C-alpha atoms as a PDB file:
ATOM      1  CA  MET A   1      -6.808  -7.147  -1.527  1.00  0.00           C
ATOM      2  CA  ALA A   2      -8.916  -4.863   0.752  1.00  0.00           C
ATOM      3  CA  ASP A   3      -9.854  -5.960   4.186  1.00  0.00           C
ATOM      4  CA  ILE A   4     -13.388  -6.225   3.644  1.00  0.00           C
ATOM      5  CA  GLY A   5     -14.270  -7.470   7.134  1.00  0.00           C
ATOM      6  CA  GLY A   6     -12.804  -4.417   8.654  1.00  0.00           C
ATOM      7  CA  MET A   7     -14.749  -2.190   6.094  1.00  0.00           C
ATOM      8  CA  LEU A   8     -17.771  -3.917   7.357  1.00  0.00           C
ATOM      9  CA  ARG A   9     -16.979  -3.541  10.964  1.00  0.00           C
ATOM     10  CA  ALA A  10     -15.749   0.026  10.886  1.00  0.00           C
ATOM     11  CA  ALA A  11     -19.212   1.091   8.917  1.00  0.00           C
ATOM     12  CA  ARG A  12     -21.291  -0.907  11.418  1.00  0.00           C
ATOM     13  CA  VAL A  13     -19.700   0.419  14.342  1.00  0.00           C
ATOM     14  CA  GLU A  14     -19.724   4.134  13.076  1.00  0.00           C
ATOM     15  CA  LEU A  15     -23.513   3.759  12.755  1.00  0.00           C
ATOM     16  CA  GLY A  16     -24.019   2.289  16.108  1.00  0.00           C
ATOM     17  CA  LEU A  17     -25.263  -0.961  14.928  1.00  0.00           C
ATOM     18  CA  GLY A  18     -24.836  -4.393  16.553  1.00  0.00           C
ATOM     19  CA  GLN A  19     -23.958  -7.463  14.627  1.00  0.00           C
ATOM     20  CA  ALA A  20     -27.172  -8.937  15.533  1.00  0.00           C
ATOM     21  CA  GLU A  21     -29.039  -5.697  14.231  1.00  0.00           C
ATOM     22  CA  LEU A  22     -27.269  -5.875  10.862  1.00  0.00           C
ATOM     23  CA  ALA A  23     -27.811  -9.453  10.507  1.00  0.00           C
ATOM     24  CA  ALA A  24     -31.407  -9.012  10.792  1.00  0.00           C
ATOM     25  CA  ARG A  25     -31.491  -6.139   8.659  1.00  0.00           C
ATOM     26  CA  ALA A  26     -29.613  -8.083   5.862  1.00  0.00           C
ATOM     27  CA  ALA A  27     -31.602 -11.029   6.318  1.00  0.00           C
ATOM     28  CA  THR A  28     -28.671 -13.191   7.668  1.00  0.00           C
ATOM     29  CA  THR A  29     -27.375 -14.446  10.751  1.00  0.00           C
ATOM     30  CA  GLN A  30     -25.136 -12.573  13.640  1.00  0.00           C
ATOM     31  CA  THR A  31     -22.615 -15.573  13.093  1.00  0.00           C
ATOM     32  CA  TYR A  32     -22.192 -15.005   9.469  1.00  0.00           C
ATOM     33  CA  VAL A  33     -21.770 -10.864  10.082  1.00  0.00           C
ATOM     34  CA  SER A  34     -19.010 -12.040  12.691  1.00  0.00           C
ATOM     35  CA  ARG A  35     -17.143 -14.265  10.279  1.00  0.00           C
ATOM     36  CA  VAL A  36     -17.254 -12.016   7.590  1.00  0.00           C
ATOM     37  CA  GLU A  37     -15.920  -9.049   9.889  1.00  0.00           C
ATOM     38  CA  ARG A  38     -13.176 -11.500  11.146  1.00  0.00           C
ATOM     39  CA  GLY A  39     -12.260 -12.390   7.938  1.00  0.00           C
ATOM     40  CA  VAL A  40     -13.100 -16.144   8.220  1.00  0.00           C
ATOM     41  CA  THR A  41     -15.289 -15.945   5.283  1.00  0.00           C
ATOM     42  CA  GLU A  42     -15.313 -13.707   2.255  1.00  0.00           C
ATOM     43  CA  PRO A  43     -18.874 -13.066   0.983  1.00  0.00           C
ATOM     44  CA  SER A  44     -19.923 -12.919  -2.505  1.00  0.00           C
ATOM     45  CA  LEU A  45     -20.198  -9.262  -4.162  1.00  0.00           C
ATOM     46  CA  SER A  46     -23.804  -9.513  -3.848  1.00  0.00           C
ATOM     47  CA  THR A  47     -23.812 -10.474  -0.377  1.00  0.00           C
ATOM     48  CA  LEU A  48     -21.509  -7.495   0.368  1.00  0.00           C
ATOM     49  CA  GLU A  49     -23.666  -5.045  -1.573  1.00  0.00           C
ATOM     50  CA  ARG A  50     -26.592  -6.378   0.569  1.00  0.00           C
ATOM     51  CA  LEU A  51     -24.773  -5.998   3.994  1.00  0.00           C
ATOM     52  CA  PHE A  52     -23.696  -2.520   3.144  1.00  0.00           C
ATOM     53  CA  HIS A  53     -27.357  -1.511   1.736  1.00  0.00           C
ATOM     54  CA  ALA A  54     -28.805  -2.854   5.001  1.00  0.00           C
ATOM     55  CA  MET A  55     -26.556   0.119   6.570  1.00  0.00           C
ATOM     56  CA  GLY A  56     -27.998   2.779   4.237  1.00  0.00           C
ATOM     57  CA  LEU A  57     -24.699   2.597   2.478  1.00  0.00           C
ATOM     58  CA  ARG A  58     -23.808   1.900  -1.247  1.00  0.00           C
ATOM     59  CA  LEU A  59     -20.862   0.037  -1.828  1.00  0.00           C
ATOM     60  CA  GLN A  60     -18.656   1.397  -4.745  1.00  0.00           C
ATOM     61  CA  ILE A  61     -15.649  -0.281  -6.051  1.00  0.00           C
ATOM     62  CA  THR A  62     -13.410   1.394  -8.583  1.00  0.00           C
ATOM     63  CA  PRO A  63     -10.357   0.166 -10.604  1.00  0.00           C
ATOM     64  CA  GLU A  64      -7.174   1.871 -10.065  1.00  0.00           C
ATOM     65  CA  PRO A  65      -4.201   1.978 -12.568  1.00  0.00           C
ATOM     66  CA  ILE A  66      -1.272  -0.184 -11.822  1.00  0.00           C
ATOM     67  CA  PRO A  67       1.849   2.019 -11.322  1.00  0.00           C
ATOM     68  CA  LEU A  68       4.186   1.370 -14.051  1.00  0.00           C
ATOM     69  CA  GLY A  69       7.925   1.069 -13.989  1.00  0.00           C
ATOM     70  CA  ASN A  70      10.235   0.088 -11.334  1.00  0.00           C
ATOM     71  CA  VAL A  71      10.730   1.769  -7.669  1.00  0.00           C
ATOM     72  CA  SER A  72      13.539   4.203  -7.489  1.00  0.00           C
ATOM     73  CA  ALA A  73      17.069   3.226  -6.828  1.00  0.00           C
ATOM     74  CA  GLU A  74      16.771   5.148  -3.749  1.00  0.00           C
ATOM     75  CA  GLU A  75      13.875   3.149  -2.469  1.00  0.00           C
ATOM     76  CA  LEU A  76      15.132  -0.142  -3.256  1.00  0.00           C
ATOM     77  CA  ARG A  77      18.566   0.816  -1.515  1.00  0.00           C
ATOM     78  CA  ARG A  78      16.480   1.998   1.806  1.00  0.00           C
ATOM     79  CA  ASP A  79      14.590  -1.336   1.771  1.00  0.00           C
ATOM     80  CA  PHE A  80      17.901  -3.383   1.382  1.00  0.00           C
ATOM     81  CA  LEU A  81      19.482  -1.653   4.189  1.00  0.00           C
ATOM     82  CA  GLU A  82      16.625  -2.223   6.206  1.00  0.00           C
ATOM     83  CA  SER A  83      16.502  -5.873   6.044  1.00  0.00           C
ATOM     84  CA  THR A  84      18.293  -8.344   7.856  1.00  0.00           C
ATOM     85  CA  PRO A  85      20.972 -10.363   6.533  1.00  0.00           C
ATOM     86  CA  GLN A  86      18.761 -13.329   6.378  1.00  0.00           C
ATOM     87  CA  GLU A  87      16.025 -11.484   4.457  1.00  0.00           C
ATOM     88  CA  ARG A  88      18.642 -10.168   2.062  1.00  0.00           C
ATOM     89  CA  ILE A  89      19.721 -13.907   1.398  1.00  0.00           C
ATOM     90  CA  SER A  90      16.315 -14.938   1.068  1.00  0.00           C
ATOM     91  CA  GLN A  91      15.669 -12.224  -1.521  1.00  0.00           C
ATOM     92  CA  VAL A  92      18.573 -13.046  -3.433  1.00  0.00           C
ATOM     93  CA  MET A  93      17.624 -16.872  -3.550  1.00  0.00           C
ATOM     94  CA  THR A  94      14.005 -15.890  -4.695  1.00  0.00           C
ATOM     95  CA  LEU A  95      15.637 -13.901  -7.430  1.00  0.00           C
ATOM     96  CA  SER A  96      17.964 -16.426  -8.679  1.00  0.00           C
ATOM     97  CA  ALA A  97      15.326 -18.717  -8.736  1.00  0.00           C
ATOM     98  CA  PHE A  98      13.365 -16.720 -10.904  1.00  0.00           C
ATOM     99  CA  VAL A  99      16.060 -15.613 -13.196  1.00  0.00           C
ATOM    100  CA  THR A 100      17.037 -19.456 -13.537  1.00  0.00           C
ATOM    101  CA  GLY A 101      13.227 -20.164 -14.480  1.00  0.00           C
ATOM    102  CA  VAL A 102      13.254 -17.329 -17.233  1.00  0.00           C
ATOM    103  CA  ALA A 103      16.489 -18.448 -18.486  1.00  0.00           C
ATOM    104  CA  ALA A 104      15.324 -22.082 -18.782  1.00  0.00           C
ATOM    105  CA  GLN A 105      12.116 -20.947 -20.338  1.00  0.00           C
ATOM    106  CA  ALA A 106      13.909 -19.029 -23.025  1.00  0.00           C
ATOM    107  CA  GLN A 107      16.324 -21.927 -23.734  1.00  0.00           C
ATOM    108  CA  GLU A 108      13.510 -24.192 -23.996  1.00  0.00           C
ATOM    109  CA  ARG A 109      11.724 -21.606 -26.619  1.00  0.00           C
ATOM    110  CA  ARG A 110      14.723 -21.460 -28.646  1.00  0.00           C
ATOM    111  CA  ALA A 111      15.139 -25.185 -28.931  1.00  0.00           C
ATOM    112  CA  ARG A 112      11.408 -25.347 -30.133  1.00  0.00           C
ATOM    113  CA  GLY A 113      12.046 -22.450 -32.458  1.00  0.00           C
ATOM    114  CA  THR A 114       9.661 -20.271 -31.003  1.00  0.00           C
ATOM    115  CA  SER A 115      10.074 -16.796 -29.515  1.00  0.00           C
END
């Protein structure tokens, strides 16, 4: 997820606005602006739009396609070589638990006669 608070802070600072000034423009409190910027609270989309609008900006959200397929073998090898032995063991344990769960679900479906 995007760093909403960081985006808000960056836009506010770039425009030379203080938190109190932005809060007054957006009909909220300086404390609320601070909490959003620090990531303590996540505003609703309409509140976020209001905060950006108060700075003369339009919030634009666009969907992006999720990349399909797996990462390359080279990238996997690089990640593996850069990880510590403890991280490698943790990854293997996580993968083992996942595969065991998938196998159990498949066996349960076969027993029920569903696919």
